[in-house]
Amino acid sequence: MNTLYTLAVCLFATMLSGIVPVVAQDTDNQHVNTIDLKMDLAETKLELLDSKIRLWEEKPAVLEMKLRDIEKSINQLSFTPEQFNEKFQLLDSMLEEQRFLLAEQQELYAQLNERANQYPPAKESSFGPESSSDTGSIPDADIYMIPPDKYVMSIYPVRLFEGTMQLSIERVLNRGNSLELSAMATYATSEGIANYYLSNQKLEYYNAALDSYMPYESENISGYGAALTWRNYILPRTKPNYAAPRGAYVAPNIMYRRLTISGFDYVLNEETGMTEPEEVEQYLNVFSGGILAGWQFIIFKAITADLYVGGIVRLSKYDGDAKITKYKQLQNIDFSGVMPTFGLKIGVVK
């Protein structure tokens, strides 16, 4: 029994002695492997650090190349940076001078407008309000300005010899523009001052019995009309002492007249064999439009005299006719076509 016990103890000791070295050997191997991993990691970090160092070493070379490119671009410019700085400073001084001149110009315009709104009388001389002896021209007796919103009431004296009274009212809108409205009333008879005008009228009427146009003598022309004219005075743009309604102007206008023309035609009475007067009455519509150019003078600050010339297109049409009149003489009241016009207008400033 003791022998078996002894053998068992010896056998256990032998087994234990074989296991302990194996465990110790495994632990050493783990430490070695850990050290190897750490060495590999350290080598990787060194390689990465070496790559970064090489990259840092390359960056100055890249920057140097870029600087060389910038210097090359600067050398290719037509001016140096110093010259560019000088030009910029010159431009800045010019802008400052421009701002100063603009401010001075605005101040001068404000002073001019203030003086123009005051409408001061011009310098007196022995010839009138202003003498033009310095320019060698004829003295102008109406060098002064009429304030805006004033009116000029006028008549056309030449129209009286046509049996027409034409009155117009011109309203000043501003220094260069005005609007004129005219009204016409016509009553011309062969016994009045329009006798010469009527006797020169070559009029015809349609005779249904003969199916043709027959001439007749006009005894009376009556009717009404209206005209609208816009006047653009051109001198205020260059001469501050001129303003509407005085000076040179251009004026487009339109007009309409409604007239009744009556007279007599002497026809043969077949029963008696004698000529008898037959009354003729026609209704005429006259449309016209054109452009005028003229000069309106202002005398003694109250009286106006307006001389004008121009051209108009006139269309005349009788009631019952499908078309406008044709082949009429220029002096006829029923003339249709392009015709010149001129005249004189006299008025007062209100």
Protein backbone atom coordinates (compact mmCIF):
# COMPACT_ATOMS: atom_id res chain seq x y z
CA MET A 1 0.00 0.00 0.00
CA ASN A 2 2.77 2.30 0.85
CA THR A 3 4.49 1.22 -2.29
CA LEU A 4 1.45 2.21 -4.40
CA TYR A 5 1.18 5.49 -2.61
CA THR A 6 4.77 6.19 -3.28
CA LEU A 7 4.42 5.33 -6.92
CA ALA A 8 1.40 7.59 -7.24
CA VAL A 9 3.19 10.52 -5.66
CA CYS A 10 6.15 10.00 -7.93
CA LEU A 11 3.93 9.83 -10.97
CA PHE A 12 2.07 13.09 -10.04
CA ALA A 13 5.32 14.86 -9.41
CA THR A 14 6.60 13.75 -12.78
CA MET A 15 3.48 15.05 -14.55
CA LEU A 16 3.58 18.33 -12.68
CA SER A 17 7.19 18.87 -13.58
CA GLY A 18 6.31 18.44 -17.27
CA ILE A 19 3.34 20.89 -17.24
CA VAL A 20 5.08 23.85 -15.51
CA PRO A 21 7.73 24.35 -18.22
CA VAL A 22 5.06 24.30 -20.92
CA VAL A 23 3.05 27.06 -19.21
CA ALA A 24 6.15 29.15 -18.70
CA GLN A 25 7.11 28.70 -22.33
CA ASP A 26 3.65 29.85 -23.57
CA THR A 27 3.79 33.05 -21.48
CA ASP A 28 7.18 33.95 -22.94
CA ASN A 29 5.88 33.45 -26.46
CA GLN A 30 2.98 35.88 -25.84
CA HIS A 31 5.38 38.54 -24.58
CA VAL A 32 7.54 38.11 -27.64
CA ASN A 33 4.56 38.43 -29.97
CA THR A 34 3.40 41.59 -28.20
CA ILE A 35 6.83 43.12 -28.53
CA ASP A 36 6.91 42.22 -32.22
CA LEU A 37 3.53 43.91 -32.80
CA LYS A 38 4.70 47.00 -31.01
CA MET A 39 7.85 47.08 -33.10
CA ASP A 40 5.82 46.75 -36.30
CA LEU A 41 3.52 49.58 -35.18
CA ALA A 42 6.50 51.76 -34.37
CA GLU A 43 8.03 51.04 -37.79
CA THR A 44 4.68 52.02 -39.45
CA LYS A 45 4.57 55.27 -37.52
CA LEU A 46 8.14 56.01 -38.50
CA GLU A 47 7.34 55.39 -42.14
CA LEU A 48 4.30 57.71 -41.90
CA LEU A 49 6.43 60.35 -40.18
CA ASP A 50 9.04 59.99 -42.88
CA SER A 51 6.35 60.49 -45.58
CA LYS A 52 5.11 63.66 -43.87
CA ILE A 53 8.65 64.97 -43.58
CA ARG A 54 9.21 64.35 -47.30
CA LEU A 55 5.87 66.16 -48.06
CA TRP A 56 6.89 69.13 -45.95
CA GLU A 57 10.20 69.21 -47.75
CA GLU A 58 8.37 69.31 -51.12
CA LYS A 59 5.97 72.16 -50.15
CA PRO A 60 8.59 74.95 -50.24
CA ALA A 61 9.53 73.85 -53.75
CA VAL A 62 5.85 74.00 -54.85
CA LEU A 63 5.43 77.41 -53.25
CA GLU A 64 8.57 78.61 -54.95
CA MET A 65 7.20 77.45 -58.33
CA LYS A 66 3.94 79.34 -57.72
CA LEU A 67 5.85 82.47 -56.73
CA ARG A 68 7.88 82.24 -59.92
CA ASP A 69 4.62 81.97 -61.92
CA ILE A 70 3.21 85.07 -60.17
CA GLU A 71 6.41 87.02 -60.84
CA LYS A 72 6.28 85.94 -64.47
CA SER A 73 2.63 87.15 -64.78
CA ILE A 74 3.55 90.48 -63.19
CA ASN A 75 6.46 90.89 -65.59
CA GLN A 76 4.07 90.28 -68.50
CA LEU A 77 1.86 93.23 -67.47
CA SER A 78 2.12 96.47 -69.49
CA PHE A 79 2.61 98.48 -66.31
CA THR A 80 4.17 97.96 -62.96
CA PRO A 81 2.20 97.85 -59.69
CA GLU A 82 3.65 101.26 -58.87
CA GLN A 83 2.23 102.65 -62.10
CA PHE A 84 -1.14 101.03 -61.35
CA ASN A 85 -1.16 102.69 -57.94
CA GLU A 86 -0.39 106.05 -59.57
CA LYS A 87 -3.21 105.61 -62.08
CA PHE A 88 -5.62 104.66 -59.32
CA GLN A 89 -4.68 107.78 -57.37
CA LEU A 90 -5.13 109.89 -60.54
CA LEU A 91 -8.56 108.37 -61.16
CA ASP A 92 -9.59 109.06 -57.58
CA SER A 93 -8.55 112.73 -57.91
CA MET A 94 -10.46 113.05 -61.20
CA LEU A 95 -13.60 111.60 -59.58
CA GLU A 96 -13.26 114.06 -56.74
CA GLU A 97 -12.93 116.93 -59.24
CA GLN A 98 -15.99 115.64 -61.14
CA ARG A 99 -18.07 115.62 -57.96
CA PHE A 100 -16.97 119.20 -57.26
CA LEU A 101 -17.87 120.35 -60.79
CA LEU A 102 -21.27 118.62 -60.64
CA ALA A 103 -22.06 120.33 -57.37
CA GLU A 104 -21.03 123.68 -58.85
CA GLN A 105 -23.16 123.03 -61.96
CA GLN A 106 -26.24 122.17 -59.86
CA GLU A 107 -25.76 125.37 -57.88
CA LEU A 108 -25.55 127.42 -61.08
CA TYR A 109 -28.72 125.75 -62.46
CA ALA A 110 -30.54 126.50 -59.22
CA GLN A 111 -29.50 130.15 -59.39
CA LEU A 112 -30.53 130.36 -63.06
CA ASN A 113 -33.96 128.83 -62.38
CA GLU A 114 -34.50 131.14 -59.43
CA ARG A 115 -33.63 134.16 -61.54
CA ALA A 116 -35.78 132.99 -64.46
CA ASN A 117 -38.78 132.49 -62.18
CA GLN A 118 -38.49 136.05 -60.98
CA TYR A 119 -38.84 137.39 -64.61
CA PRO A 120 -36.87 140.55 -64.05
CA PRO A 121 -37.31 143.36 -66.62
CA ALA A 122 -34.52 143.72 -69.09
CA LYS A 123 -32.16 146.65 -69.34
CA GLU A 124 -33.80 149.83 -70.58
CA SER A 125 -32.39 151.82 -73.46
CA SER A 126 -33.38 154.65 -75.73
CA PHE A 127 -34.82 152.14 -78.19
CA GLY A 128 -36.96 150.24 -75.67
CA PRO A 129 -36.54 147.62 -72.98
CA GLU A 130 -33.31 146.23 -74.49
CA SER A 131 -31.03 147.46 -77.20
CA SER A 132 -29.12 145.02 -79.34
CA SER A 133 -26.48 147.50 -80.49
CA ASP A 134 -23.77 145.14 -79.32
CA THR A 135 -24.87 142.56 -81.88
CA GLY A 136 -25.74 145.01 -84.63
CA SER A 137 -29.32 143.73 -84.93
CA ILE A 138 -32.58 145.65 -84.89
CA PRO A 139 -33.64 146.67 -81.37
CA ASP A 140 -36.37 144.47 -79.97
CA ALA A 141 -39.15 146.40 -78.26
CA ASP A 142 -40.51 143.50 -76.22
CA ILE A 143 -37.58 141.89 -74.40
CA TYR A 144 -39.36 140.70 -71.29
CA MET A 145 -41.11 137.53 -70.27
CA ILE A 146 -44.71 136.70 -69.51
CA PRO A 147 -45.18 134.46 -66.45
CA PRO A 148 -46.77 131.03 -66.95
CA ASP A 149 -50.55 130.59 -66.70
CA LYS A 150 -51.14 133.85 -68.59
CA TYR A 151 -53.48 134.13 -71.59
CA VAL A 152 -53.25 135.79 -74.97
CA MET A 153 -56.62 136.65 -76.55
CA SER A 154 -56.37 137.29 -80.29
CA ILE A 155 -58.33 137.85 -83.47
CA TYR A 156 -57.45 137.12 -87.10
CA PRO A 157 -58.20 140.39 -88.95
CA VAL A 158 -57.71 138.84 -92.40
CA ARG A 159 -60.58 136.46 -91.68
CA LEU A 160 -62.94 139.42 -91.45
CA PHE A 161 -62.65 139.91 -95.20
CA GLU A 162 -63.87 136.34 -95.60
CA GLY A 163 -66.91 137.03 -93.43
CA THR A 164 -65.46 135.04 -90.53
CA MET A 165 -64.76 136.16 -87.00
CA GLN A 166 -62.04 133.96 -85.47
CA LEU A 167 -61.16 134.41 -81.81
CA SER A 168 -58.40 132.47 -80.08
CA ILE A 169 -57.20 132.01 -76.52
CA GLU A 170 -53.58 130.99 -76.04
CA ARG A 171 -52.69 129.68 -72.60
CA VAL A 172 -49.03 129.64 -71.56
CA LEU A 173 -48.11 126.23 -70.14
CA ASN A 174 -44.42 126.80 -69.40
CA ARG A 175 -41.42 128.68 -70.78
CA GLY A 176 -41.45 126.83 -74.08
CA ASN A 177 -45.02 125.68 -74.72
CA SER A 178 -48.55 126.98 -74.99
CA LEU A 179 -51.93 125.71 -76.13
CA GLU A 180 -54.27 127.72 -78.35
CA LEU A 181 -58.00 127.15 -78.88
CA SER A 182 -59.84 129.04 -81.62
CA ALA A 183 -63.53 129.46 -82.35
CA MET A 184 -64.92 130.64 -85.70
CA ALA A 185 -68.26 132.11 -86.65
CA THR A 186 -68.97 132.76 -90.34
CA TYR A 187 -71.58 134.97 -91.91
CA ALA A 188 -70.49 136.22 -95.34
CA THR A 189 -72.92 138.00 -97.65
CA SER A 190 -72.55 139.58 -101.06
CA GLU A 191 -73.58 142.94 -99.59
CA GLY A 192 -70.92 143.05 -96.89
CA ILE A 193 -67.13 143.29 -96.73
CA ALA A 194 -66.91 139.66 -97.89
CA ASN A 195 -68.36 140.56 -101.31
CA TYR A 196 -64.98 140.24 -103.05
CA TYR A 197 -64.37 136.89 -101.37
CA LEU A 198 -67.76 135.54 -102.42
CA SER A 199 -67.47 136.82 -105.98
CA ASN A 200 -64.28 134.79 -106.43
CA GLN A 201 -65.88 131.54 -105.35
CA LYS A 202 -66.37 129.06 -108.23
CA LEU A 203 -69.08 126.83 -106.82
CA GLU A 204 -71.13 124.02 -108.33
CA TYR A 205 -74.10 121.97 -107.26
CA TYR A 206 -75.52 118.71 -108.52
CA ASN A 207 -78.61 119.18 -110.70
CA ALA A 208 -80.60 115.97 -110.53
CA ALA A 209 -82.79 116.91 -113.51
CA LEU A 210 -79.77 117.36 -115.75
CA ASP A 211 -77.67 114.72 -113.94
CA SER A 212 -74.66 117.03 -113.92
CA TYR A 213 -72.91 119.66 -111.82
CA MET A 214 -74.01 123.22 -112.55
CA PRO A 215 -72.30 126.45 -111.46
CA TYR A 216 -74.15 128.96 -109.31
CA GLU A 217 -73.49 132.29 -107.64
CA SER A 218 -73.08 132.21 -103.90
CA GLU A 219 -75.02 134.80 -101.97
CA ASN A 220 -74.35 133.70 -98.42
CA ILE A 221 -71.94 131.49 -96.44
CA SER A 222 -72.62 130.84 -92.77
CA GLY A 223 -71.41 128.37 -90.21
CA TYR A 224 -69.02 127.72 -87.35
CA GLY A 225 -65.75 125.99 -86.64
CA ALA A 226 -62.98 125.32 -84.14
CA ALA A 227 -59.21 124.85 -84.22
CA LEU A 228 -56.65 123.52 -81.78
CA THR A 229 -52.96 124.48 -81.94
CA TRP A 230 -49.98 123.47 -79.85
CA ARG A 231 -47.17 126.03 -79.93
CA ASN A 232 -43.57 125.14 -79.21
CA TYR A 233 -41.40 128.22 -78.70
CA ILE A 234 -37.82 127.44 -79.70
CA LEU A 235 -35.83 130.43 -78.41
CA PRO A 236 -36.07 129.71 -74.64
CA ARG A 237 -33.71 126.76 -75.14
CA THR A 238 -30.80 129.05 -76.06
CA LYS A 239 -31.84 132.52 -74.87
CA PRO A 240 -32.99 132.78 -71.25
CA ASN A 241 -34.62 136.21 -71.83
CA TYR A 242 -37.16 134.62 -74.21
CA ALA A 243 -40.18 132.63 -73.10
CA ALA A 244 -43.69 131.81 -74.28
CA PRO A 245 -45.70 133.53 -75.66
CA ARG A 246 -43.04 135.63 -77.41
CA GLY A 247 -40.50 134.76 -80.04
CA ALA A 248 -40.21 132.16 -82.78
CA TYR A 249 -42.37 129.05 -82.66
CA VAL A 250 -43.55 126.02 -84.61
CA ALA A 251 -47.14 124.93 -84.22
CA PRO A 252 -49.01 121.86 -85.46
CA ASN A 253 -52.76 122.47 -85.67
CA ILE A 254 -56.06 120.87 -86.63
CA MET A 255 -59.35 122.53 -87.64
CA TYR A 256 -62.98 121.66 -88.43
CA ARG A 257 -65.64 123.88 -90.04
CA ARG A 258 -69.32 123.29 -90.74
CA LEU A 259 -70.67 125.67 -93.39
CA THR A 260 -73.95 126.35 -95.14
CA ILE A 261 -73.54 127.78 -98.65
CA SER A 262 -76.58 129.28 -100.34
CA GLY A 263 -77.08 131.06 -103.67
CA PHE A 264 -79.08 131.16 -106.87
CA ASP A 265 -78.91 129.44 -110.21
CA TYR A 266 -80.83 130.87 -113.15
CA VAL A 267 -82.66 128.11 -115.02
CA LEU A 268 -84.89 128.22 -118.05
CA ASN A 269 -88.63 127.87 -117.40
CA GLU A 270 -89.93 125.84 -120.33
CA GLU A 271 -93.50 127.05 -119.84
CA THR A 272 -92.72 130.77 -119.91
CA GLY A 273 -89.48 130.56 -121.90
CA MET A 274 -87.78 132.86 -119.37
CA THR A 275 -84.91 132.23 -116.94
CA GLU A 276 -85.90 132.23 -113.33
CA PRO A 277 -83.70 132.15 -110.22
CA GLU A 278 -83.61 128.87 -108.34
CA GLU A 279 -82.29 128.78 -104.80
CA VAL A 280 -79.35 126.44 -104.10
CA GLU A 281 -78.28 125.38 -100.61
CA GLN A 282 -75.38 123.07 -99.75
CA TYR A 283 -73.83 121.90 -96.51
CA LEU A 284 -70.04 121.63 -96.43
CA ASN A 285 -67.69 119.97 -93.94
CA VAL A 286 -64.07 121.13 -93.95
CA PHE A 287 -61.27 119.26 -92.17
CA SER A 288 -57.68 120.52 -92.14
CA GLY A 289 -54.40 119.91 -90.40
CA GLY A 290 -50.89 121.21 -90.84
CA ILE A 291 -47.98 123.00 -89.28
CA LEU A 292 -47.22 126.70 -88.89
CA ALA A 293 -44.07 128.65 -88.14
CA GLY A 294 -44.07 132.22 -86.96
CA TRP A 295 -42.94 134.92 -84.58
CA GLN A 296 -45.11 136.56 -81.97
CA PHE A 297 -44.14 140.03 -80.78
CA ILE A 298 -45.26 141.59 -77.50
CA ILE A 299 -45.55 145.39 -77.58
CA PHE A 300 -45.92 147.61 -74.51
CA LYS A 301 -46.20 144.46 -72.38
CA ALA A 302 -49.84 144.08 -73.41
CA ILE A 303 -50.35 143.88 -77.19
CA THR A 304 -49.30 140.93 -79.36
CA ALA A 305 -48.65 140.79 -83.09
CA ASP A 306 -48.21 137.33 -84.60
CA LEU A 307 -46.91 136.73 -88.15
CA TYR A 308 -47.07 133.15 -89.39
CA VAL A 309 -46.66 131.01 -92.52
CA GLY A 310 -47.12 127.32 -93.08
CA GLY A 311 -48.81 124.57 -95.00
CA ILE A 312 -51.96 122.55 -94.40
CA VAL A 313 -53.85 119.63 -95.87
CA ARG A 314 -57.55 120.44 -96.34
CA LEU A 315 -60.36 117.99 -97.07
CA SER A 316 -63.80 119.26 -98.05
CA LYS A 317 -66.94 117.17 -98.38
CA TYR A 318 -70.55 118.09 -99.09
CA ASP A 319 -73.43 116.35 -97.39
CA GLY A 320 -74.79 113.71 -99.73
CA ASP A 321 -71.48 113.24 -101.59
CA ALA A 322 -69.65 109.98 -101.11
CA LYS A 323 -66.20 111.46 -101.64
CA ILE A 324 -64.28 114.64 -100.96
CA THR A 325 -64.31 117.41 -103.55
CA LYS A 326 -61.92 117.31 -106.50
CA TYR A 327 -60.49 119.73 -109.05
CA LYS A 328 -61.50 122.82 -107.10
CA GLN A 329 -59.63 126.10 -107.36
CA LEU A 330 -57.29 127.08 -104.55
CA GLN A 331 -59.31 130.13 -103.48
CA ASN A 332 -62.49 128.07 -103.19
CA ILE A 333 -63.87 127.40 -99.76
CA ASP A 334 -64.53 123.78 -100.83
CA PHE A 335 -60.96 123.17 -102.02
CA SER A 336 -59.37 119.82 -101.11
CA GLY A 337 -55.63 119.31 -101.16
CA VAL A 338 -52.37 120.78 -99.91
CA MET A 339 -52.28 124.55 -99.70
CA PRO A 340 -50.03 127.24 -98.19
CA THR A 341 -51.25 129.54 -95.49
CA PHE A 342 -50.04 132.80 -93.95
CA GLY A 343 -51.52 135.59 -91.92
CA LEU A 344 -51.45 138.04 -89.06
CA LYS A 345 -52.94 137.70 -85.62
CA ILE A 346 -53.39 140.57 -83.16
CA GLY A 347 -54.17 140.16 -79.49
CA VAL A 348 -53.76 141.27 -75.89
CA VAL A 349 -52.09 139.65 -72.89
CA LYS A 350 -54.34 138.85 -69.96
